[in-house]
């Protein structure tokens, strides 16, 4: 199982248009610490073309985009239209 598969499964089960989570909540779901890079907005936005971004694939495959709330440890996952 890939590190971010539990997050993918968690989001896939959600029916909400918007899911807001803190870093500790995400870490509980994945069963591991997020990397230091997760504090940067770019880590959450990423590049669709970069296959090394397993974290981004977890939420995009579940139908969501992610956005870090500036100056916080909170992420908003928004359902893709």
PDB file of N, CA and C in Angstrom:
ATOM      1  N   UNK A   1       0.846  -1.178   0.000  1.00  0.00           N
ATOM      2  CA  UNK A   1       0.000   0.000   0.000  1.00  0.00           C
ATOM      3  C   UNK A   1       0.893   1.243   0.000  1.00  0.00           C
ATOM      4  N   UNK A   2       0.559   2.180  -0.855  1.00  0.00           N
ATOM      5  CA  UNK A   2       1.290   3.446  -0.912  1.00  0.00           C
ATOM      6  C   UNK A   2       0.907   4.309   0.294  1.00  0.00           C
ATOM      7  N   UNK A   3       1.817   5.177   0.679  1.00  0.00           N
ATOM      8  CA  UNK A   3       1.635   6.007   1.859  1.00  0.00           C
ATOM      9  C   UNK A   3       0.324   6.793   1.857  1.00  0.00           C
ATOM     10  N   UNK A   4      -0.068   7.326   0.703  1.00  0.00           N
ATOM     11  CA  UNK A   4      -1.239   8.203   0.647  1.00  0.00           C
ATOM     12  C   UNK A   4      -2.530   7.487   0.225  1.00  0.00           C
ATOM     13  N   UNK A   5      -2.472   6.174   0.059  1.00  0.00           N
ATOM     14  CA  UNK A   5      -3.684   5.414  -0.280  1.00  0.00           C
ATOM     15  C   UNK A   5      -4.799   5.596   0.757  1.00  0.00           C
ATOM     16  N   UNK A   6      -4.483   5.602   2.060  1.00  0.00           N
ATOM     17  CA  UNK A   6      -5.571   5.805   3.028  1.00  0.00           C
ATOM     18  C   UNK A   6      -6.268   7.159   2.866  1.00  0.00           C
ATOM     19  N   UNK A   7      -5.520   8.187   2.477  1.00  0.00           N
ATOM     20  CA  UNK A   7      -6.135   9.497   2.248  1.00  0.00           C
ATOM     21  C   UNK A   7      -7.032   9.433   1.015  1.00  0.00           C
ATOM     22  N   UNK A   8      -6.561   8.763  -0.019  1.00  0.00           N
ATOM     23  CA  UNK A   8      -7.380   8.571  -1.220  1.00  0.00           C
ATOM     24  C   UNK A   8      -8.696   7.884  -0.853  1.00  0.00           C
ATOM     25  N   UNK A   9      -8.629   6.804  -0.103  1.00  0.00           N
ATOM     26  CA  UNK A   9      -9.827   6.053   0.286  1.00  0.00           C
ATOM     27  C   UNK A   9     -10.757   6.895   1.155  1.00  0.00           C
ATOM     28  N   UNK A  10     -10.180   7.651   2.077  1.00  0.00           N
ATOM     29  CA  UNK A  10     -10.953   8.523   2.957  1.00  0.00           C
ATOM     30  C   UNK A  10     -11.735   9.551   2.141  1.00  0.00           C
ATOM     31  N   UNK A  11     -11.057  10.219   1.218  1.00  0.00           N
ATOM     32  CA  UNK A  11     -11.713  11.247   0.412  1.00  0.00           C
ATOM     33  C   UNK A  11     -12.716  10.640  -0.567  1.00  0.00           C
ATOM     34  N   UNK A  12     -12.401   9.492  -1.102  1.00  0.00           N
ATOM     35  CA  UNK A  12     -13.302   8.842  -2.058  1.00  0.00           C
ATOM     36  C   UNK A  12     -14.654   8.528  -1.405  1.00  0.00           C
ATOM     37  N   UNK A  13     -14.642   8.211  -0.117  1.00  0.00           N
ATOM     38  CA  UNK A  13     -15.884   7.897   0.596  1.00  0.00           C
ATOM     39  C   UNK A  13     -16.699   9.145   0.944  1.00  0.00           C
ATOM     40  N   UNK A  14     -16.062  10.296   0.921  1.00  0.00           N
ATOM     41  CA  UNK A  14     -16.751  11.543   1.271  1.00  0.00           C
ATOM     42  C   UNK A  14     -17.715  11.954   0.164  1.00  0.00           C
ATOM     43  N   UNK A  15     -18.839  12.481   0.558  1.00  0.00           N
ATOM     44  CA  UNK A  15     -19.811  12.999  -0.398  1.00  0.00           C
ATOM     45  C   UNK A  15     -19.771  14.527  -0.456  1.00  0.00           C
ATOM     46  N   UNK A  16     -18.988  15.115   0.418  1.00  0.00           N
ATOM     47  CA  UNK A  16     -18.945  16.569   0.548  1.00  0.00           C
ATOM     48  C   UNK A  16     -18.256  17.232  -0.644  1.00  0.00           C
ATOM     49  N   UNK A  17     -18.696  18.434  -0.935  1.00  0.00           N
ATOM     50  CA  UNK A  17     -18.073  19.241  -1.980  1.00  0.00           C
ATOM     51  C   UNK A  17     -16.748  19.793  -1.474  1.00  0.00           C
ATOM     52  N   UNK A  18     -16.660  19.976  -0.151  1.00  0.00           N
ATOM     53  CA  UNK A  18     -15.471  20.568   0.472  1.00  0.00           C
ATOM     54  C   UNK A  18     -15.156  19.803   1.755  1.00  0.00           C
ATOM     55  N   UNK A  19     -13.891  19.418   1.893  1.00  0.00           N
ATOM     56  CA  UNK A  19     -13.438  18.724   3.099  1.00  0.00           C
ATOM     57  C   UNK A  19     -12.236  19.498   3.630  1.00  0.00           C
ATOM     58  N   UNK A  20     -12.333  19.992   4.855  1.00  0.00           N
ATOM     59  CA  UNK A  20     -11.223  20.720   5.469  1.00  0.00           C
ATOM     60  C   UNK A  20     -10.593  19.840   6.535  1.00  0.00           C
ATOM     61  N   UNK A  21      -9.268  19.724   6.478  1.00  0.00           N
ATOM     62  CA  UNK A  21      -8.546  18.870   7.421  1.00  0.00           C
ATOM     63  C   UNK A  21      -7.289  19.574   7.906  1.00  0.00           C
ATOM     64  N   UNK A  22      -6.915  19.292   9.151  1.00  0.00           N
ATOM     65  CA  UNK A  22      -5.649  19.783   9.683  1.00  0.00           C
ATOM     66  C   UNK A  22      -4.556  18.769   9.344  1.00  0.00           C
ATOM     67  N   UNK A  23      -3.307  19.202   9.449  1.00  0.00           N
ATOM     68  CA  UNK A  23      -2.202  18.268   9.237  1.00  0.00           C
ATOM     69  C   UNK A  23      -2.311  17.063  10.174  1.00  0.00           C
ATOM     70  N   UNK A  24      -2.575  17.270  11.485  1.00  0.00           N
ATOM     71  CA  UNK A  24      -2.700  16.106  12.368  1.00  0.00           C
ATOM     72  C   UNK A  24      -3.815  15.143  11.939  1.00  0.00           C
ATOM     73  N   UNK A  25      -4.922  15.675  11.434  1.00  0.00           N
ATOM     74  CA  UNK A  25      -6.002  14.804  10.959  1.00  0.00           C
ATOM     75  C   UNK A  25      -5.539  13.986   9.749  1.00  0.00           C
ATOM     76  N   UNK A  26      -4.858  14.635   8.824  1.00  0.00           N
ATOM     77  CA  UNK A  26      -4.345  13.936   7.644  1.00  0.00           C
ATOM     78  C   UNK A  26      -3.334  12.874   8.068  1.00  0.00           C
ATOM     79  N   UNK A  27      -2.466  13.222   9.009  1.00  0.00           N
ATOM     80  CA  UNK A  27      -1.457  12.278   9.492  1.00  0.00           C
ATOM     81  C   UNK A  27      -2.097  11.069  10.159  1.00  0.00           C
ATOM     82  N   UNK A  28      -3.194  11.278  10.879  1.00  0.00           N
ATOM     83  CA  UNK A  28      -3.909  10.146  11.478  1.00  0.00           C
ATOM     84  C   UNK A  28      -4.472   9.239  10.388  1.00  0.00           C
ATOM     85  N   UNK A  29      -5.015   9.830   9.339  1.00  0.00           N
ATOM     86  CA  UNK A  29      -5.591   9.037   8.250  1.00  0.00           C
ATOM     87  C   UNK A  29      -4.510   8.225   7.543  1.00  0.00           C
ATOM     88  N   UNK A  30      -3.358   8.843   7.251  1.00  0.00           N
ATOM     89  CA  UNK A  30      -2.319   8.127   6.503  1.00  0.00           C
ATOM     90  C   UNK A  30      -1.426   7.277   7.404  1.00  0.00           C
ATOM     91  N   UNK A  31      -1.495   7.509   8.714  1.00  0.00           N
ATOM     92  CA  UNK A  31      -0.679   6.728   9.643  1.00  0.00           C
ATOM     93  C   UNK A  31       0.791   7.074   9.585  1.00  0.00           C
ATOM     94  N   UNK A  32       1.106   8.314   9.202  1.00  0.00           N
ATOM     95  CA  UNK A  32       2.494   8.763   9.093  1.00  0.00           C
ATOM     96  C   UNK A  32       2.516  10.285   9.138  1.00  0.00           C
ATOM     97  N   UNK A  33       3.700  10.820   9.367  1.00  0.00           N
ATOM     98  CA  UNK A  33       3.877  12.268   9.375  1.00  0.00           C
ATOM     99  C   UNK A  33       3.936  12.789   7.946  1.00  0.00           C
ATOM    100  N   UNK A  34       3.398  13.977   7.739  1.00  0.00           N
ATOM    101  CA  UNK A  34       3.564  14.652   6.455  1.00  0.00           C
ATOM    102  C   UNK A  34       4.996  15.189   6.383  1.00  0.00           C
ATOM    103  N   UNK A  35       5.561  15.288   5.197  1.00  0.00           N
ATOM    104  CA  UNK A  35       6.910  15.833   5.096  1.00  0.00           C
ATOM    105  C   UNK A  35       6.921  17.336   5.368  1.00  0.00           C
ATOM    106  N   UNK A  36       8.063  17.862   5.698  1.00  0.00           N
ATOM    107  CA  UNK A  36       8.227  19.308   5.943  1.00  0.00           C
ATOM    108  C   UNK A  36       7.749  20.114   4.736  1.00  0.00           C
ATOM    109  N   UNK A  37       7.914  19.563   3.527  1.00  0.00           N
ATOM    110  CA  UNK A  37       7.498  20.247   2.291  1.00  0.00           C
ATOM    111  C   UNK A  37       6.002  20.528   2.262  1.00  0.00           C
ATOM    112  N   UNK A  38       5.224  19.813   3.053  1.00  0.00           N
ATOM    113  CA  UNK A  38       3.773  19.996   3.072  1.00  0.00           C
ATOM    114  C   UNK A  38       3.383  21.376   3.615  1.00  0.00           C
ATOM    115  N   UNK A  39       4.318  22.071   4.243  1.00  0.00           N
ATOM    116  CA  UNK A  39       4.045  23.420   4.741  1.00  0.00           C
ATOM    117  C   UNK A  39       4.011  24.445   3.620  1.00  0.00           C
ATOM    118  N   UNK A  40       4.414  24.046   2.410  1.00  0.00           N
ATOM    119  CA  UNK A  40       4.420  24.942   1.250  1.00  0.00           C
ATOM    120  C   UNK A  40       3.188  24.687   0.391  1.00  0.00           C
ATOM    121  N   UNK A  41       2.557  25.755  -0.047  1.00  0.00           N
ATOM    122  CA  UNK A  41       1.348  25.634  -0.864  1.00  0.00           C
ATOM    123  C   UNK A  41       1.594  24.819  -2.125  1.00  0.00           C
ATOM    124  N   UNK A  42       2.771  24.930  -2.717  1.00  0.00           N
ATOM    125  CA  UNK A  42       3.063  24.237  -3.973  1.00  0.00           C
ATOM    126  C   UNK A  42       2.977  22.715  -3.821  1.00  0.00           C
ATOM    127  N   UNK A  43       3.300  22.191  -2.648  1.00  0.00           N
ATOM    128  CA  UNK A  43       3.242  20.743  -2.430  1.00  0.00           C
ATOM    129  C   UNK A  43       1.821  20.228  -2.623  1.00  0.00           C
ATOM    130  N   UNK A  44       0.838  21.037  -2.264  1.00  0.00           N
ATOM    131  CA  UNK A  44      -0.563  20.644  -2.370  1.00  0.00           C
ATOM    132  C   UNK A  44      -1.103  20.870  -3.779  1.00  0.00           C
ATOM    133  N   UNK A  45      -0.601  21.882  -4.465  1.00  0.00           N
ATOM    134  CA  UNK A  45      -1.061  22.174  -5.821  1.00  0.00           C
ATOM    135  C   UNK A  45      -0.365  21.251  -6.810  1.00  0.00           C
ATOM    136  N   UNK A  46       0.961  21.214  -6.740  1.00  0.00           N
ATOM    137  CA  UNK A  46       1.758  20.300  -7.542  1.00  0.00           C
ATOM    138  C   UNK A  46       1.558  20.421  -9.033  1.00  0.00           C
ATOM    139  N   UNK A  47       1.966  19.373  -9.728  1.00  0.00           N
ATOM    140  CA  UNK A  47       1.893  19.322 -11.180  1.00  0.00           C
ATOM    141  C   UNK A  47       1.245  18.014 -11.600  1.00  0.00           C
ATOM    142  N   UNK A  48       0.202  18.102 -12.393  1.00  0.00           N
ATOM    143  CA  UNK A  48      -0.472  16.882 -12.850  1.00  0.00           C
ATOM    144  C   UNK A  48       0.455  15.982 -13.645  1.00  0.00           C
ATOM    145  N   UNK A  49       1.488  16.552 -14.248  1.00  0.00           N
ATOM    146  CA  UNK A  49       2.377  15.773 -15.092  1.00  0.00           C
ATOM    147  C   UNK A  49       3.495  15.083 -14.321  1.00  0.00           C
ATOM    148  N   UNK A  50       3.666  15.375 -13.045  1.00  0.00           N
ATOM    149  CA  UNK A  50       4.788  14.815 -12.286  1.00  0.00           C
ATOM    150  C   UNK A  50       4.353  13.538 -11.565  1.00  0.00           C
ATOM    151  N   UNK A  51       4.748  12.361 -12.087  1.00  0.00           N
ATOM    152  CA  UNK A  51       4.332  11.093 -11.475  1.00  0.00           C
ATOM    153  C   UNK A  51       4.937  10.856 -10.091  1.00  0.00           C
ATOM    154  N   UNK A  52       5.939  11.651  -9.721  1.00  0.00           N
ATOM    155  CA  UNK A  52       6.556  11.485  -8.394  1.00  0.00           C
ATOM    156  C   UNK A  52       5.683  12.051  -7.289  1.00  0.00           C
ATOM    157  N   UNK A  53       4.648  12.763  -7.633  1.00  0.00           N
ATOM    158  CA  UNK A  53       3.807  13.396  -6.625  1.00  0.00           C
ATOM    159  C   UNK A  53       2.658  12.471  -6.213  1.00  0.00           C
ATOM    160  N   UNK A  54       3.016  11.416  -5.504  1.00  0.00           N
ATOM    161  CA  UNK A  54       2.020  10.418  -5.072  1.00  0.00           C
ATOM    162  C   UNK A  54       0.953  11.049  -4.196  1.00  0.00           C
ATOM    163  N   UNK A  55       1.324  12.034  -3.400  1.00  0.00           N
ATOM    164  CA  UNK A  55       0.346  12.678  -2.523  1.00  0.00           C
ATOM    165  C   UNK A  55      -0.737  13.342  -3.354  1.00  0.00           C
ATOM    166  N   UNK A  56      -0.366  14.026  -4.413  1.00  0.00           N
ATOM    167  CA  UNK A  56      -1.340  14.726  -5.242  1.00  0.00           C
ATOM    168  C   UNK A  56      -2.264  13.730  -5.952  1.00  0.00           C
ATOM    169  N   UNK A  57      -1.704  12.628  -6.387  1.00  0.00           N
ATOM    170  CA  UNK A  57      -2.521  11.608  -7.052  1.00  0.00           C
ATOM    171  C   UNK A  57      -3.597  11.077  -6.101  1.00  0.00           C
ATOM    172  N   UNK A  58      -3.289  11.004  -4.810  1.00  0.00           N
ATOM    173  CA  UNK A  58      -4.247  10.478  -3.831  1.00  0.00           C
ATOM    174  C   UNK A  58      -5.546  11.262  -3.849  1.00  0.00           C
ATOM    175  N   UNK A  59      -5.473  12.590  -3.849  1.00  0.00           N
ATOM    176  CA  UNK A  59      -6.722  13.354  -3.821  1.00  0.00           C
ATOM    177  C   UNK A  59      -7.296  13.616  -5.201  1.00  0.00           C
ATOM    178  N   UNK A  60      -6.462  13.748  -6.219  1.00  0.00           N
ATOM    179  CA  UNK A  60      -7.039  13.974  -7.555  1.00  0.00           C
ATOM    180  C   UNK A  60      -7.769  12.721  -8.044  1.00  0.00           C
ATOM    181  N   UNK A  61      -7.233  11.547  -7.757  1.00  0.00           N
ATOM    182  CA  UNK A  61      -7.903  10.306  -8.158  1.00  0.00           C
ATOM    183  C   UNK A  61      -9.211  10.113  -7.392  1.00  0.00           C
ATOM    184  N   UNK A  62      -9.316  10.738  -6.217  1.00  0.00           N
ATOM    185  CA  UNK A  62     -10.558  10.676  -5.441  1.00  0.00           C
ATOM    186  C   UNK A  62     -11.538  11.768  -5.872  1.00  0.00           C
ATOM    187  N   UNK A  63     -11.102  12.637  -6.806  1.00  0.00           N
ATOM    188  CA  UNK A  63     -11.991  13.672  -7.330  1.00  0.00           C
ATOM    189  C   UNK A  63     -11.866  15.030  -6.678  1.00  0.00           C
ATOM    190  N   UNK A  64     -10.745  15.283  -6.000  1.00  0.00           N
ATOM    191  CA  UNK A  64     -10.560  16.547  -5.285  1.00  0.00           C
ATOM    192  C   UNK A  64      -9.310  17.292  -5.741  1.00  0.00           C
ATOM    193  N   UNK A  65      -9.331  18.608  -5.548  1.00  0.00           N
ATOM    194  CA  UNK A  65      -8.149  19.456  -5.614  1.00  0.00           C
ATOM    195  C   UNK A  65      -7.842  19.849  -4.173  1.00  0.00           C
ATOM    196  N   UNK A  66      -6.597  20.220  -3.907  1.00  0.00           N
ATOM    197  CA  UNK A  66      -6.217  20.590  -2.542  1.00  0.00           C
ATOM    198  C   UNK A  66      -5.609  21.987  -2.534  1.00  0.00           C
ATOM    199  N   UNK A  67      -5.836  22.683  -1.420  1.00  0.00           N
ATOM    200  CA  UNK A  67      -5.281  24.022  -1.252  1.00  0.00           C
ATOM    201  C   UNK A  67      -4.930  24.219   0.219  1.00  0.00           C
ATOM    202  N   UNK A  68      -3.694  24.608   0.466  1.00  0.00           N
ATOM    203  CA  UNK A  68      -3.247  24.920   1.825  1.00  0.00           C
ATOM    204  C   UNK A  68      -3.785  26.290   2.205  1.00  0.00           C
ATOM    205  N   UNK A  69      -4.346  26.412   3.386  1.00  0.00           N
ATOM    206  CA  UNK A  69      -4.786  27.714   3.888  1.00  0.00           C
ATOM    207  C   UNK A  69      -3.540  28.421   4.400  1.00  0.00           C
ATOM    208  N   UNK A  70      -3.233  29.556   3.799  1.00  0.00           N
ATOM    209  CA  UNK A  70      -2.003  30.296   4.104  1.00  0.00           C
ATOM    210  C   UNK A  70      -1.842  30.544   5.601  1.00  0.00           C
ATOM    211  N   UNK A  71      -0.626  30.298   6.079  1.00  0.00           N
ATOM    212  CA  UNK A  71      -0.297  30.567   7.467  1.00  0.00           C
ATOM    213  C   UNK A  71      -0.903  29.588   8.460  1.00  0.00           C
ATOM    214  N   UNK A  72      -1.329  28.423   7.982  1.00  0.00           N
ATOM    215  CA  UNK A  72      -1.950  27.464   8.896  1.00  0.00           C
ATOM    216  C   UNK A  72      -1.497  26.048   8.570  1.00  0.00           C
ATOM    217  N   UNK A  73      -2.029  25.116   9.341  1.00  0.00           N
ATOM    218  CA  UNK A  73      -1.787  23.694   9.060  1.00  0.00           C
ATOM    219  C   UNK A  73      -3.087  23.050   8.579  1.00  0.00           C
ATOM    220  N   UNK A  74      -3.889  23.813   7.848  1.00  0.00           N
ATOM    221  CA  UNK A  74      -5.186  23.347   7.370  1.00  0.00           C
ATOM    222  C   UNK A  74      -5.195  23.287   5.847  1.00  0.00           C
ATOM    223  N   UNK A  75      -5.840  22.242   5.342  1.00  0.00           N
ATOM    224  CA  UNK A  75      -5.944  22.027   3.905  1.00  0.00           C
ATOM    225  C   UNK A  75      -7.419  21.904   3.544  1.00  0.00           C
ATOM    226  N   UNK A  76      -7.786  22.522   2.442  1.00  0.00           N
ATOM    227  CA  UNK A  76      -9.153  22.381   1.924  1.00  0.00           C
ATOM    228  C   UNK A  76      -9.081  21.512   0.678  1.00  0.00           C
ATOM    229  N   UNK A  77      -9.824  20.429   0.710  1.00  0.00           N
ATOM    230  CA  UNK A  77      -9.989  19.566  -0.459  1.00  0.00           C
ATOM    231  C   UNK A  77     -11.336  19.937  -1.077  1.00  0.00           C
ATOM    232  N   UNK A  78     -11.325  20.363  -2.330  1.00  0.00           N
ATOM    233  CA  UNK A  78     -12.538  20.770  -3.029  1.00  0.00           C
ATOM    234  C   UNK A  78     -12.827  19.801  -4.148  1.00  0.00           C
ATOM    235  N   UNK A  79     -14.057  19.347  -4.216  1.00  0.00           N
ATOM    236  CA  UNK A  79     -14.441  18.404  -5.275  1.00  0.00           C
ATOM    237  C   UNK A  79     -14.247  19.056  -6.627  1.00  0.00           C
ATOM    238  N   UNK A  80     -13.618  18.297  -7.530  1.00  0.00           N
ATOM    239  CA  UNK A  80     -13.390  18.773  -8.893  1.00  0.00           C
ATOM    240  C   UNK A  80     -14.716  18.754  -9.650  1.00  0.00           C
ATOM    241  N   UNK A  81     -14.911  19.750 -10.510  1.00  0.00           N
ATOM    242  CA  UNK A  81     -16.166  19.792 -11.264  1.00  0.00           C
ATOM    243  C   UNK A  81     -16.051  19.080 -12.592  1.00  0.00           C
TER     244      UNK A  81
END
